[in-house]
Amino acid sequence: MSTENKQHHNLKTLKRHTQYYQSGGDLIVIVGNTSFRVASVFFTRESKDFEDRVAESAKPMDPANGPKTMEIDGCPTHIIVIASSENVTAEDFAQLCWVFFNEKFSVYETTLTAWKTILRLANQWNFAQVKDLAFREIDAPGKFSIPLVERIVLYTEYKAAFSYVEPLYVDLLSRAAHLDFDEANALGLETVLKISAARESLRLSLMEPLSPSEPLPGKMREVVCEAVRKMFGQHASFATDKPSRDVNGQASSVSTSISASATGPSTTTPSTANGGATNGPSADASEIGDDLKGRGKNKKTKKPKGVSVYDYDDFYDNL
């Protein structure tokens, strides 16, 4: 019998978590030498992983591995052991429990480290709504200071919806500074090559050259957005009112307003649950020229001389 399964027989020797060993709970989760007792519904209603584990624990006892259910205080209780290979500590699991049993309704205030732990477990065990909450809290403007590339790596690692990642890459392509060694190493070779090619094409598309210390003009943001979508194969028309960020990953007052279609009023807000879109007021594309509106309608429009400093057609041909 494995050490982990022997713990089924020794619940009394385990340390009960001071906050999340709750009387009346029908699920005991053993993490290391700590036992949690909670209501299973909070874990099974969203996570297929936990749903399957609870269903497995309801099967007849396997004499070789110990009981999977037992009566505690007269109530049938499921038992789940978190394997050491899952790299979860009792402190980690307590952070996940806090999301479900937070006593301050709708107020979730904790550290960035705690949110990263919650995000990791939500991604690992497929808690879609918990993951969405973690991304919303981490991404809240001005809440956490995270360097831009570090934020991109975090969002990518835990599979954030593209609507969260897009404005970060837009800021990265727009800034004056090239990637430094640590940033390039964190992003990986393939992404670095895509970024370098897109940066070069964007700057070559300018009819008036920029100095190395100048970021791309703000009015060019729409074009940068389309470049990012092309980099990652995203073709959906959506917009987000998510704020722009500065080079340190901090939210700035410049909003990211994206409208990939000029055929009608449409914008969206991000959704990490499914990456979907909701309708809202349209973004005004007039500031970036009639040629961009024509591109939104899948038509090529001759760019009037002197109207714009951006050669969009050359940019898309070179990307």
C-alpha atoms as a PDB file:
ATOM      1  CA  MET A   1       0.000   0.000   0.000  1.00  0.00           C
ATOM      2  CA  SER A   2       1.443   3.396  -0.945  1.00  0.00           C
ATOM      3  CA  THR A   3       2.185   6.028   1.687  1.00  0.00           C
ATOM      4  CA  GLU A   4      -0.420   8.314   0.134  1.00  0.00           C
ATOM      5  CA  ASN A   5      -3.128   5.654   0.296  1.00  0.00           C
ATOM      6  CA  LYS A   6      -2.206   4.674   3.868  1.00  0.00           C
ATOM      7  CA  GLN A   7      -3.332   8.149   4.864  1.00  0.00           C
ATOM      8  CA  HIS A   8      -6.896   6.982   4.263  1.00  0.00           C
ATOM      9  CA  HIS A   9      -6.556   4.834   7.381  1.00  0.00           C
ATOM     10  CA  ASN A  10      -4.916   7.491   9.534  1.00  0.00           C
ATOM     11  CA  LEU A  11      -7.174  10.528   9.301  1.00  0.00           C
ATOM     12  CA  LYS A  12      -6.920  11.022  13.047  1.00  0.00           C
ATOM     13  CA  THR A  13      -3.161  11.426  12.813  1.00  0.00           C
ATOM     14  CA  LEU A  14      -3.389  14.136  10.170  1.00  0.00           C
ATOM     15  CA  LYS A  15      -3.367  17.808  10.990  1.00  0.00           C
ATOM     16  CA  ARG A  16      -6.777  19.331  10.399  1.00  0.00           C
ATOM     17  CA  HIS A  17      -6.610  22.641   8.609  1.00  0.00           C
ATOM     18  CA  THR A  18      -7.603  25.310  11.091  1.00  0.00           C
ATOM     19  CA  GLN A  19      -9.930  27.154   8.703  1.00  0.00           C
ATOM     20  CA  TYR A  20     -10.983  24.681   6.058  1.00  0.00           C
ATOM     21  CA  TYR A  21     -11.849  21.574   8.042  1.00  0.00           C
ATOM     22  CA  GLN A  22     -15.555  22.284   8.120  1.00  0.00           C
ATOM     23  CA  SER A  23     -18.141  20.214   9.945  1.00  0.00           C
ATOM     24  CA  GLY A  24     -20.782  18.885   7.587  1.00  0.00           C
ATOM     25  CA  GLY A  25     -18.438  18.769   4.617  1.00  0.00           C
ATOM     26  CA  ASP A  26     -18.819  15.671   2.453  1.00  0.00           C
ATOM     27  CA  LEU A  27     -15.316  15.766   0.953  1.00  0.00           C
ATOM     28  CA  ILE A  28     -11.986  15.268   2.674  1.00  0.00           C
ATOM     29  CA  VAL A  29      -8.941  16.357   0.698  1.00  0.00           C
ATOM     30  CA  ILE A  30      -5.577  15.216   2.016  1.00  0.00           C
ATOM     31  CA  VAL A  31      -2.599  17.368   1.068  1.00  0.00           C
ATOM     32  CA  GLY A  32       0.639  16.170   2.596  1.00  0.00           C
ATOM     33  CA  ASN A  33      -0.030  15.782   6.316  1.00  0.00           C
ATOM     34  CA  THR A  34      -3.002  18.150   6.339  1.00  0.00           C
ATOM     35  CA  SER A  35      -6.650  17.262   5.865  1.00  0.00           C
ATOM     36  CA  PHE A  36      -9.329  19.603   4.531  1.00  0.00           C
ATOM     37  CA  ARG A  37     -13.042  18.940   4.941  1.00  0.00           C
ATOM     38  CA  VAL A  38     -15.246  20.891   2.569  1.00  0.00           C
ATOM     39  CA  ALA A  39     -18.485  20.726   0.603  1.00  0.00           C
ATOM     40  CA  SER A  40     -17.723  18.804  -2.582  1.00  0.00           C
ATOM     41  CA  VAL A  41     -20.153  20.844  -4.690  1.00  0.00           C
ATOM     42  CA  PHE A  42     -17.754  23.801  -4.811  1.00  0.00           C
ATOM     43  CA  PHE A  43     -15.123  21.599  -6.430  1.00  0.00           C
ATOM     44  CA  THR A  44     -17.168  19.246  -8.607  1.00  0.00           C
ATOM     45  CA  ARG A  45     -19.530  21.755 -10.210  1.00  0.00           C
ATOM     46  CA  GLU A  46     -16.724  23.358 -12.186  1.00  0.00           C
ATOM     47  CA  SER A  47     -13.736  21.022 -12.279  1.00  0.00           C
ATOM     48  CA  LYS A  48     -14.082  17.821 -14.284  1.00  0.00           C
ATOM     49  CA  ASP A  49     -10.926  16.662 -12.569  1.00  0.00           C
ATOM     50  CA  PHE A  50     -12.529  16.838  -9.119  1.00  0.00           C
ATOM     51  CA  GLU A  51     -15.828  15.508 -10.421  1.00  0.00           C
ATOM     52  CA  ASP A  52     -14.035  12.400 -11.681  1.00  0.00           C
ATOM     53  CA  ARG A  53     -12.117  11.991  -8.433  1.00  0.00           C
ATOM     54  CA  VAL A  54     -15.245  12.168  -6.324  1.00  0.00           C
ATOM     55  CA  ALA A  55     -16.995   9.729  -8.651  1.00  0.00           C
ATOM     56  CA  GLU A  56     -14.018   7.382  -8.327  1.00  0.00           C
ATOM     57  CA  SER A  57     -14.143   7.621  -4.536  1.00  0.00           C
ATOM     58  CA  ALA A  58     -17.781   6.493  -4.611  1.00  0.00           C
ATOM     59  CA  LYS A  59     -16.812   3.132  -6.109  1.00  0.00           C
ATOM     60  CA  PRO A  60     -16.554   0.030  -3.874  1.00  0.00           C
ATOM     61  CA  MET A  61     -13.540  -0.156  -1.570  1.00  0.00           C
ATOM     62  CA  ASP A  62     -10.293  -1.481  -2.985  1.00  0.00           C
ATOM     63  CA  PRO A  63      -8.757  -3.609  -0.175  1.00  0.00           C
ATOM     64  CA  ALA A  64      -5.256  -2.994  -1.518  1.00  0.00           C
ATOM     65  CA  ASN A  65      -5.503   0.783  -1.340  1.00  0.00           C
ATOM     66  CA  GLY A  66      -7.860   1.446   1.521  1.00  0.00           C
ATOM     67  CA  PRO A  67     -11.351   2.949   1.663  1.00  0.00           C
ATOM     68  CA  LYS A  68     -12.300   5.810  -0.629  1.00  0.00           C
ATOM     69  CA  THR A  69     -15.336   6.822   1.414  1.00  0.00           C
ATOM     70  CA  MET A  70     -16.186   6.598   5.092  1.00  0.00           C
ATOM     71  CA  GLU A  71     -18.744   7.901   7.536  1.00  0.00           C
ATOM     72  CA  ILE A  72     -17.734  10.913   9.573  1.00  0.00           C
ATOM     73  CA  ASP A  73     -20.222  12.274  12.088  1.00  0.00           C
ATOM     74  CA  GLY A  74     -22.767   9.946  10.508  1.00  0.00           C
ATOM     75  CA  CYS A  75     -22.302  11.478   7.042  1.00  0.00           C
ATOM     76  CA  PRO A  76     -20.877   9.605   4.018  1.00  0.00           C
ATOM     77  CA  THR A  77     -17.676  11.422   3.145  1.00  0.00           C
ATOM     78  CA  HIS A  78     -15.514  11.132   0.043  1.00  0.00           C
ATOM     79  CA  ILE A  79     -11.746  11.047   0.425  1.00  0.00           C
ATOM     80  CA  ILE A  80      -9.289  12.422  -2.114  1.00  0.00           C
ATOM     81  CA  VAL A  81      -5.519  12.392  -1.761  1.00  0.00           C
ATOM     82  CA  ILE A  82      -3.542  15.020  -3.656  1.00  0.00           C
ATOM     83  CA  ALA A  83      -0.486  13.168  -4.943  1.00  0.00           C
ATOM     84  CA  SER A  84       2.968  14.592  -4.310  1.00  0.00           C
ATOM     85  CA  SER A  85       3.518  14.613  -8.082  1.00  0.00           C
ATOM     86  CA  GLU A  86       0.867  17.344  -8.370  1.00  0.00           C
ATOM     87  CA  ASN A  87       3.204  19.790  -6.591  1.00  0.00           C
ATOM     88  CA  VAL A  88       0.524  21.226  -4.325  1.00  0.00           C
ATOM     89  CA  THR A  89       1.124  22.167  -0.701  1.00  0.00           C
ATOM     90  CA  ALA A  90      -1.454  22.560   2.036  1.00  0.00           C
ATOM     91  CA  GLU A  91      -0.880  26.314   1.856  1.00  0.00           C
ATOM     92  CA  ASP A  92      -1.570  26.241  -1.887  1.00  0.00           C
ATOM     93  CA  PHE A  93      -4.813  24.319  -1.458  1.00  0.00           C
ATOM     94  CA  ALA A  94      -5.918  26.693   1.282  1.00  0.00           C
ATOM     95  CA  GLN A  95      -5.597  29.565  -1.206  1.00  0.00           C
ATOM     96  CA  LEU A  96      -7.972  27.753  -3.558  1.00  0.00           C
ATOM     97  CA  CYS A  97     -10.408  27.105  -0.708  1.00  0.00           C
ATOM     98  CA  TRP A  98     -10.336  30.812   0.137  1.00  0.00           C
ATOM     99  CA  VAL A  99     -11.843  31.596  -3.270  1.00  0.00           C
ATOM    100  CA  PHE A 100     -14.873  29.419  -2.483  1.00  0.00           C
ATOM    101  CA  PHE A 101     -15.263  30.277   1.188  1.00  0.00           C
ATOM    102  CA  ASN A 102     -14.252  33.936   1.256  1.00  0.00           C
ATOM    103  CA  GLU A 103     -16.253  35.622   3.999  1.00  0.00           C
ATOM    104  CA  LYS A 104     -16.133  39.017   2.283  1.00  0.00           C
ATOM    105  CA  PHE A 105     -18.662  38.555  -0.476  1.00  0.00           C
ATOM    106  CA  SER A 106     -17.411  39.831  -3.854  1.00  0.00           C
ATOM    107  CA  VAL A 107     -14.299  41.333  -2.248  1.00  0.00           C
ATOM    108  CA  TYR A 108     -11.163  39.396  -3.110  1.00  0.00           C
ATOM    109  CA  GLU A 109      -8.092  41.108  -1.731  1.00  0.00           C
ATOM    110  CA  THR A 110      -4.867  39.130  -1.507  1.00  0.00           C
ATOM    111  CA  THR A 111      -1.277  39.230  -2.693  1.00  0.00           C
ATOM    112  CA  LEU A 112       0.018  38.729  -6.211  1.00  0.00           C
ATOM    113  CA  THR A 113       1.806  35.589  -5.028  1.00  0.00           C
ATOM    114  CA  ALA A 114      -1.488  34.171  -3.774  1.00  0.00           C
ATOM    115  CA  TRP A 115      -3.260  34.975  -7.047  1.00  0.00           C
ATOM    116  CA  LYS A 116      -0.482  33.259  -8.989  1.00  0.00           C
ATOM    117  CA  THR A 117      -0.974  30.157  -6.832  1.00  0.00           C
ATOM    118  CA  ILE A 118      -4.736  30.254  -7.369  1.00  0.00           C
ATOM    119  CA  LEU A 119      -4.201  30.712 -11.094  1.00  0.00           C
ATOM    120  CA  ARG A 120      -1.810  27.757 -11.230  1.00  0.00           C
ATOM    121  CA  LEU A 121      -4.221  25.405  -9.436  1.00  0.00           C
ATOM    122  CA  ALA A 122      -7.218  26.638 -11.426  1.00  0.00           C
ATOM    123  CA  ASN A 123      -5.331  25.958 -14.640  1.00  0.00           C
ATOM    124  CA  GLN A 124      -4.021  22.613 -13.411  1.00  0.00           C
ATOM    125  CA  TRP A 125      -7.438  21.325 -12.305  1.00  0.00           C
ATOM    126  CA  ASN A 126      -9.568  23.144 -14.879  1.00  0.00           C
ATOM    127  CA  PHE A 127     -11.526  25.535 -12.675  1.00  0.00           C
ATOM    128  CA  ALA A 128     -12.558  27.871 -15.499  1.00  0.00           C
ATOM    129  CA  GLN A 129     -14.419  30.433 -13.382  1.00  0.00           C
ATOM    130  CA  VAL A 130     -11.708  30.551 -10.728  1.00  0.00           C
ATOM    131  CA  LYS A 131      -9.145  31.037 -13.466  1.00  0.00           C
ATOM    132  CA  ASP A 132     -11.233  33.865 -14.900  1.00  0.00           C
ATOM    133  CA  LEU A 133     -11.395  35.509 -11.474  1.00  0.00           C
ATOM    134  CA  ALA A 134      -7.639  35.242 -11.011  1.00  0.00           C
ATOM    135  CA  PHE A 135      -6.921  36.813 -14.388  1.00  0.00           C
ATOM    136  CA  ARG A 136      -9.378  39.654 -13.726  1.00  0.00           C
ATOM    137  CA  GLU A 137      -7.776  40.427 -10.383  1.00  0.00           C
ATOM    138  CA  ILE A 138      -4.200  40.224 -11.662  1.00  0.00           C
ATOM    139  CA  ASP A 139      -5.093  42.311 -14.719  1.00  0.00           C
ATOM    140  CA  ALA A 140      -7.002  45.003 -12.816  1.00  0.00           C
ATOM    141  CA  PRO A 141      -5.528  48.410 -13.763  1.00  0.00           C
ATOM    142  CA  GLY A 142      -3.010  49.673 -11.250  1.00  0.00           C
ATOM    143  CA  LYS A 143      -3.420  46.728  -8.882  1.00  0.00           C
ATOM    144  CA  PHE A 144      -0.150  44.868  -9.385  1.00  0.00           C
ATOM    145  CA  SER A 145       3.103  46.134 -10.862  1.00  0.00           C
ATOM    146  CA  ILE A 146       4.355  43.372 -13.176  1.00  0.00           C
ATOM    147  CA  PRO A 147       6.955  44.013 -15.897  1.00  0.00           C
ATOM    148  CA  LEU A 148       5.413  43.767 -19.351  1.00  0.00           C
ATOM    149  CA  VAL A 149       7.233  40.658 -20.575  1.00  0.00           C
ATOM    150  CA  GLU A 150       6.811  38.910 -17.220  1.00  0.00           C
ATOM    151  CA  ARG A 151       3.080  39.545 -17.506  1.00  0.00           C
ATOM    152  CA  ILE A 152       3.029  38.125 -21.048  1.00  0.00           C
ATOM    153  CA  VAL A 153       4.845  34.986 -19.898  1.00  0.00           C
ATOM    154  CA  LEU A 154       2.460  34.543 -16.953  1.00  0.00           C
ATOM    155  CA  TYR A 155      -0.655  34.950 -19.102  1.00  0.00           C
ATOM    156  CA  THR A 156       0.711  32.628 -21.776  1.00  0.00           C
ATOM    157  CA  GLU A 157       1.765  29.921 -19.320  1.00  0.00           C
ATOM    158  CA  TYR A 158      -1.726  29.724 -17.845  1.00  0.00           C
ATOM    159  CA  LYS A 159      -3.538  30.065 -21.170  1.00  0.00           C
ATOM    160  CA  ALA A 160      -5.219  33.435 -20.790  1.00  0.00           C
ATOM    161  CA  ALA A 161      -7.801  34.369 -23.397  1.00  0.00           C
ATOM    162  CA  PHE A 162      -6.271  36.194 -26.360  1.00  0.00           C
ATOM    163  CA  SER A 163      -8.169  39.338 -25.377  1.00  0.00           C
ATOM    164  CA  TYR A 164      -5.899  39.577 -22.328  1.00  0.00           C
ATOM    165  CA  VAL A 165      -2.671  38.854 -24.178  1.00  0.00           C
ATOM    166  CA  GLU A 166      -3.265  41.016 -27.259  1.00  0.00           C
ATOM    167  CA  PRO A 167      -2.881  44.472 -25.664  1.00  0.00           C
ATOM    168  CA  LEU A 168       0.321  43.326 -23.961  1.00  0.00           C
ATOM    169  CA  TYR A 169       1.902  42.380 -27.277  1.00  0.00           C
ATOM    170  CA  VAL A 170       0.626  45.624 -28.792  1.00  0.00           C
ATOM    171  CA  ASP A 171       2.467  47.549 -26.089  1.00  0.00           C
ATOM    172  CA  LEU A 172       5.571  45.430 -26.616  1.00  0.00           C
ATOM    173  CA  LEU A 173       5.631  46.067 -30.374  1.00  0.00           C
ATOM    174  CA  SER A 174       4.912  49.765 -29.900  1.00  0.00           C
ATOM    175  CA  ARG A 175       7.587  50.573 -27.345  1.00  0.00           C
ATOM    176  CA  ALA A 176      10.944  52.002 -28.379  1.00  0.00           C
ATOM    177  CA  ALA A 177      13.136  49.545 -26.475  1.00  0.00           C
ATOM    178  CA  HIS A 178      14.157  46.255 -28.024  1.00  0.00           C
ATOM    179  CA  LEU A 179      13.893  43.041 -26.029  1.00  0.00           C
ATOM    180  CA  ASP A 180      16.782  42.631 -23.625  1.00  0.00           C
ATOM    181  CA  PHE A 181      18.495  39.290 -23.033  1.00  0.00           C
ATOM    182  CA  ASP A 182      16.324  38.233 -20.081  1.00  0.00           C
ATOM    183  CA  GLU A 183      13.109  39.177 -21.880  1.00  0.00           C
ATOM    184  CA  ALA A 184      14.112  37.285 -25.012  1.00  0.00           C
ATOM    185  CA  ASN A 185      15.077  34.248 -22.967  1.00  0.00           C
ATOM    186  CA  ALA A 186      11.724  34.310 -21.155  1.00  0.00           C
ATOM    187  CA  LEU A 187       9.674  34.591 -24.353  1.00  0.00           C
ATOM    188  CA  GLY A 188      11.500  31.898 -26.314  1.00  0.00           C
ATOM    189  CA  LEU A 189      13.063  31.904 -29.763  1.00  0.00           C
ATOM    190  CA  GLU A 190       9.899  31.513 -31.853  1.00  0.00           C
ATOM    191  CA  THR A 191       8.099  34.404 -30.177  1.00  0.00           C
ATOM    192  CA  VAL A 192      11.205  36.600 -30.297  1.00  0.00           C
ATOM    193  CA  LEU A 193      11.531  36.050 -34.047  1.00  0.00           C
ATOM    194  CA  LYS A 194       7.861  36.952 -34.577  1.00  0.00           C
ATOM    195  CA  ILE A 195       8.218  40.095 -32.480  1.00  0.00           C
ATOM    196  CA  SER A 196      11.412  41.176 -34.251  1.00  0.00           C
ATOM    197  CA  ALA A 197       9.874  40.702 -37.699  1.00  0.00           C
ATOM    198  CA  ALA A 198       6.703  42.569 -36.743  1.00  0.00           C
ATOM    199  CA  ARG A 199       8.632  45.460 -35.134  1.00  0.00           C
ATOM    200  CA  GLU A 200      10.787  45.857 -38.233  1.00  0.00           C
ATOM    201  CA  SER A 201       7.807  45.779 -40.599  1.00  0.00           C
ATOM    202  CA  LEU A 202       5.841  48.254 -38.501  1.00  0.00           C
ATOM    203  CA  ARG A 203       8.691  50.745 -38.413  1.00  0.00           C
ATOM    204  CA  LEU A 204       9.505  50.322 -42.097  1.00  0.00           C
ATOM    205  CA  SER A 205       5.864  51.074 -42.905  1.00  0.00           C
ATOM    206  CA  LEU A 206       6.273  54.602 -41.557  1.00  0.00           C
ATOM    207  CA  MET A 207       6.807  57.210 -44.254  1.00  0.00           C
ATOM    208  CA  GLU A 208       8.510  59.398 -41.654  1.00  0.00           C
ATOM    209  CA  PRO A 209      11.248  57.410 -39.863  1.00  0.00           C
ATOM    210  CA  LEU A 210      11.395  57.257 -36.082  1.00  0.00           C
ATOM    211  CA  SER A 211      14.493  57.641 -33.979  1.00  0.00           C
ATOM    212  CA  PRO A 212      15.496  54.514 -32.009  1.00  0.00           C
ATOM    213  CA  SER A 213      14.287  56.168 -28.802  1.00  0.00           C
ATOM    214  CA  GLU A 214      10.771  56.858 -30.118  1.00  0.00           C
ATOM    215  CA  PRO A 215       7.808  54.495 -29.644  1.00  0.00           C
ATOM    216  CA  LEU A 216       5.295  53.989 -32.434  1.00  0.00           C
ATOM    217  CA  PRO A 217       2.711  56.792 -32.694  1.00  0.00           C
ATOM    218  CA  GLY A 218      -0.471  56.229 -30.704  1.00  0.00           C
ATOM    219  CA  LYS A 219      -2.634  56.592 -33.825  1.00  0.00           C
ATOM    220  CA  MET A 220      -0.895  53.544 -35.268  1.00  0.00           C
ATOM    221  CA  ARG A 221      -2.244  51.297 -32.500  1.00  0.00           C
ATOM    222  CA  GLU A 222      -4.968  49.837 -34.732  1.00  0.00           C
ATOM    223  CA  VAL A 223      -2.353  48.617 -37.188  1.00  0.00           C
ATOM    224  CA  VAL A 224      -0.258  47.132 -34.394  1.00  0.00           C
ATOM    225  CA  CYS A 225      -3.340  45.284 -33.137  1.00  0.00           C
ATOM    226  CA  GLU A 226      -3.840  43.707 -36.548  1.00  0.00           C
ATOM    227  CA  ALA A 227      -0.150  42.783 -36.653  1.00  0.00           C
ATOM    228  CA  VAL A 228      -0.460  40.986 -33.316  1.00  0.00           C
ATOM    229  CA  ARG A 229      -3.538  39.094 -34.516  1.00  0.00           C
ATOM    230  CA  LYS A 230      -1.645  38.066 -37.626  1.00  0.00           C
ATOM    231  CA  MET A 231       1.315  36.894 -35.538  1.00  0.00           C
ATOM    232  CA  PHE A 232      -0.891  34.533 -33.568  1.00  0.00           C
ATOM    233  CA  GLY A 233      -3.425  33.587 -36.227  1.00  0.00           C
ATOM    234  CA  GLN A 234      -6.303  35.464 -34.602  1.00  0.00           C
ATOM    235  CA  HIS A 235      -8.859  36.642 -37.171  1.00  0.00           C
ATOM    236  CA  ALA A 236     -11.882  37.423 -34.988  1.00  0.00           C
ATOM    237  CA  SER A 237     -13.204  40.977 -35.046  1.00  0.00           C
ATOM    238  CA  PHE A 238     -13.385  42.236 -31.516  1.00  0.00           C
ATOM    239  CA  ALA A 239     -12.442  45.197 -29.396  1.00  0.00           C
ATOM    240  CA  THR A 240     -11.469  45.615 -25.809  1.00  0.00           C
ATOM    241  CA  ASP A 241     -11.562  48.606 -23.527  1.00  0.00           C
ATOM    242  CA  LYS A 242      -8.726  47.099 -21.525  1.00  0.00           C
ATOM    243  CA  PRO A 243      -6.183  49.797 -20.624  1.00  0.00           C
ATOM    244  CA  SER A 244      -2.835  50.108 -22.283  1.00  0.00           C
ATOM    245  CA  ARG A 245       0.211  49.436 -20.146  1.00  0.00           C
ATOM    246  CA  ASP A 246       3.546  51.155 -19.883  1.00  0.00           C
ATOM    247  CA  VAL A 247       6.900  49.443 -20.337  1.00  0.00           C
ATOM    248  CA  ASN A 248       6.736  48.134 -16.760  1.00  0.00           C
ATOM    249  CA  GLY A 249       3.400  46.427 -17.297  1.00  0.00           C
ATOM    250  CA  GLN A 250       1.471  49.062 -15.334  1.00  0.00           C
ATOM    251  CA  ALA A 251      -1.911  50.141 -16.647  1.00  0.00           C
ATOM    252  CA  SER A 252      -1.881  53.589 -18.214  1.00  0.00           C
ATOM    253  CA  SER A 253      -4.634  56.027 -19.035  1.00  0.00           C
ATOM    254  CA  VAL A 254      -4.514  55.212 -22.749  1.00  0.00           C
ATOM    255  CA  SER A 255      -7.285  52.775 -23.567  1.00  0.00           C
ATOM    256  CA  THR A 256      -6.949  49.930 -26.025  1.00  0.00           C
ATOM    257  CA  SER A 257      -9.781  50.427 -28.454  1.00  0.00           C
ATOM    258  CA  ILE A 258      -9.797  47.875 -31.235  1.00  0.00           C
ATOM    259  CA  SER A 259     -12.239  47.585 -34.072  1.00  0.00           C
ATOM    260  CA  ALA A 260     -11.283  45.056 -36.699  1.00  0.00           C
ATOM    261  CA  SER A 261     -14.440  45.708 -38.692  1.00  0.00           C
ATOM    262  CA  ALA A 262     -15.838  48.984 -40.027  1.00  0.00           C
ATOM    263  CA  THR A 263     -19.066  47.432 -41.204  1.00  0.00           C
ATOM    264  CA  GLY A 264     -21.008  48.274 -38.079  1.00  0.00           C
ATOM    265  CA  PRO A 265     -20.701  49.293 -34.441  1.00  0.00           C
ATOM    266  CA  SER A 266     -19.008  46.532 -32.522  1.00  0.00           C
ATOM    267  CA  THR A 267     -16.645  46.176 -29.591  1.00  0.00           C
ATOM    268  CA  THR A 268     -16.079  43.520 -26.997  1.00  0.00           C
ATOM    269  CA  THR A 269     -14.788  43.073 -23.512  1.00  0.00           C
ATOM    270  CA  PRO A 270     -12.471  40.214 -22.565  1.00  0.00           C
ATOM    271  CA  SER A 271     -13.744  36.875 -21.338  1.00  0.00           C
ATOM    272  CA  THR A 272     -11.273  34.277 -20.132  1.00  0.00           C
ATOM    273  CA  ALA A 273     -13.976  31.670 -19.912  1.00  0.00           C
ATOM    274  CA  ASN A 274     -14.398  31.356 -23.660  1.00  0.00           C
ATOM    275  CA  GLY A 275     -12.681  34.307 -25.318  1.00  0.00           C
ATOM    276  CA  GLY A 276     -16.072  35.467 -26.523  1.00  0.00           C
ATOM    277  CA  ALA A 277     -17.344  38.937 -27.273  1.00  0.00           C
ATOM    278  CA  THR A 278     -20.118  41.209 -26.171  1.00  0.00           C
ATOM    279  CA  ASN A 279     -21.439  44.121 -28.175  1.00  0.00           C
ATOM    280  CA  GLY A 280     -20.922  47.734 -27.215  1.00  0.00           C
ATOM    281  CA  PRO A 281     -20.273  51.186 -28.694  1.00  0.00           C
ATOM    282  CA  SER A 282     -18.080  51.180 -31.793  1.00  0.00           C
ATOM    283  CA  ALA A 283     -14.564  52.574 -31.837  1.00  0.00           C
ATOM    284  CA  ASP A 284     -13.953  55.623 -34.045  1.00  0.00           C
ATOM    285  CA  ALA A 285     -11.503  54.618 -36.793  1.00  0.00           C
ATOM    286  CA  SER A 286     -11.565  58.007 -38.552  1.00  0.00           C
ATOM    287  CA  GLU A 287      -8.399  59.162 -36.808  1.00  0.00           C
ATOM    288  CA  ILE A 288      -6.301  56.537 -38.517  1.00  0.00           C
ATOM    289  CA  GLY A 289      -7.520  57.224 -42.046  1.00  0.00           C
ATOM    290  CA  ASP A 290     -10.105  56.050 -44.534  1.00  0.00           C
ATOM    291  CA  ASP A 291      -7.671  53.426 -45.832  1.00  0.00           C
ATOM    292  CA  LEU A 292      -8.002  51.501 -42.551  1.00  0.00           C
ATOM    293  CA  LYS A 293     -11.794  51.560 -42.827  1.00  0.00           C
ATOM    294  CA  GLY A 294     -11.447  50.118 -46.308  1.00  0.00           C
ATOM    295  CA  ARG A 295      -9.251  47.331 -44.954  1.00  0.00           C
ATOM    296  CA  GLY A 296     -11.912  46.549 -42.343  1.00  0.00           C
ATOM    297  CA  LYS A 297     -14.373  45.993 -45.202  1.00  0.00           C
ATOM    298  CA  ASN A 298     -11.922  43.683 -46.974  1.00  0.00           C
ATOM    299  CA  LYS A 299     -11.456  46.248 -49.726  1.00  0.00           C
ATOM    300  CA  LYS A 300      -8.266  47.909 -50.885  1.00  0.00           C
ATOM    301  CA  THR A 301      -8.525  51.674 -50.804  1.00  0.00           C
ATOM    302  CA  LYS A 302      -5.914  53.906 -52.376  1.00  0.00           C
ATOM    303  CA  LYS A 303      -4.228  55.894 -49.656  1.00  0.00           C
ATOM    304  CA  PRO A 304      -4.580  59.640 -50.349  1.00  0.00           C
ATOM    305  CA  LYS A 305      -1.257  61.424 -50.379  1.00  0.00           C
ATOM    306  CA  GLY A 306      -0.559  63.424 -47.289  1.00  0.00           C
ATOM    307  CA  VAL A 307      -3.465  61.947 -45.324  1.00  0.00           C
ATOM    308  CA  SER A 308      -1.486  59.460 -43.253  1.00  0.00           C
ATOM    309  CA  VAL A 309       2.149  58.792 -42.403  1.00  0.00           C
ATOM    310  CA  TYR A 310       1.482  55.037 -42.390  1.00  0.00           C
ATOM    311  CA  ASP A 311       1.919  52.871 -45.469  1.00  0.00           C
ATOM    312  CA  TYR A 312      -0.421  50.067 -44.419  1.00  0.00           C
ATOM    313  CA  ASP A 313      -0.239  48.043 -47.642  1.00  0.00           C
ATOM    314  CA  ASP A 314       3.561  47.891 -47.562  1.00  0.00           C
ATOM    315  CA  PHE A 315       3.429  46.866 -43.925  1.00  0.00           C
ATOM    316  CA  TYR A 316       1.083  43.932 -44.510  1.00  0.00           C
ATOM    317  CA  ASP A 317       3.031  42.829 -47.579  1.00  0.00           C
ATOM    318  CA  ASN A 318       6.274  42.784 -45.591  1.00  0.00           C
ATOM    319  CA  LEU A 319       4.991  41.081 -42.438  1.00  0.00           C
END
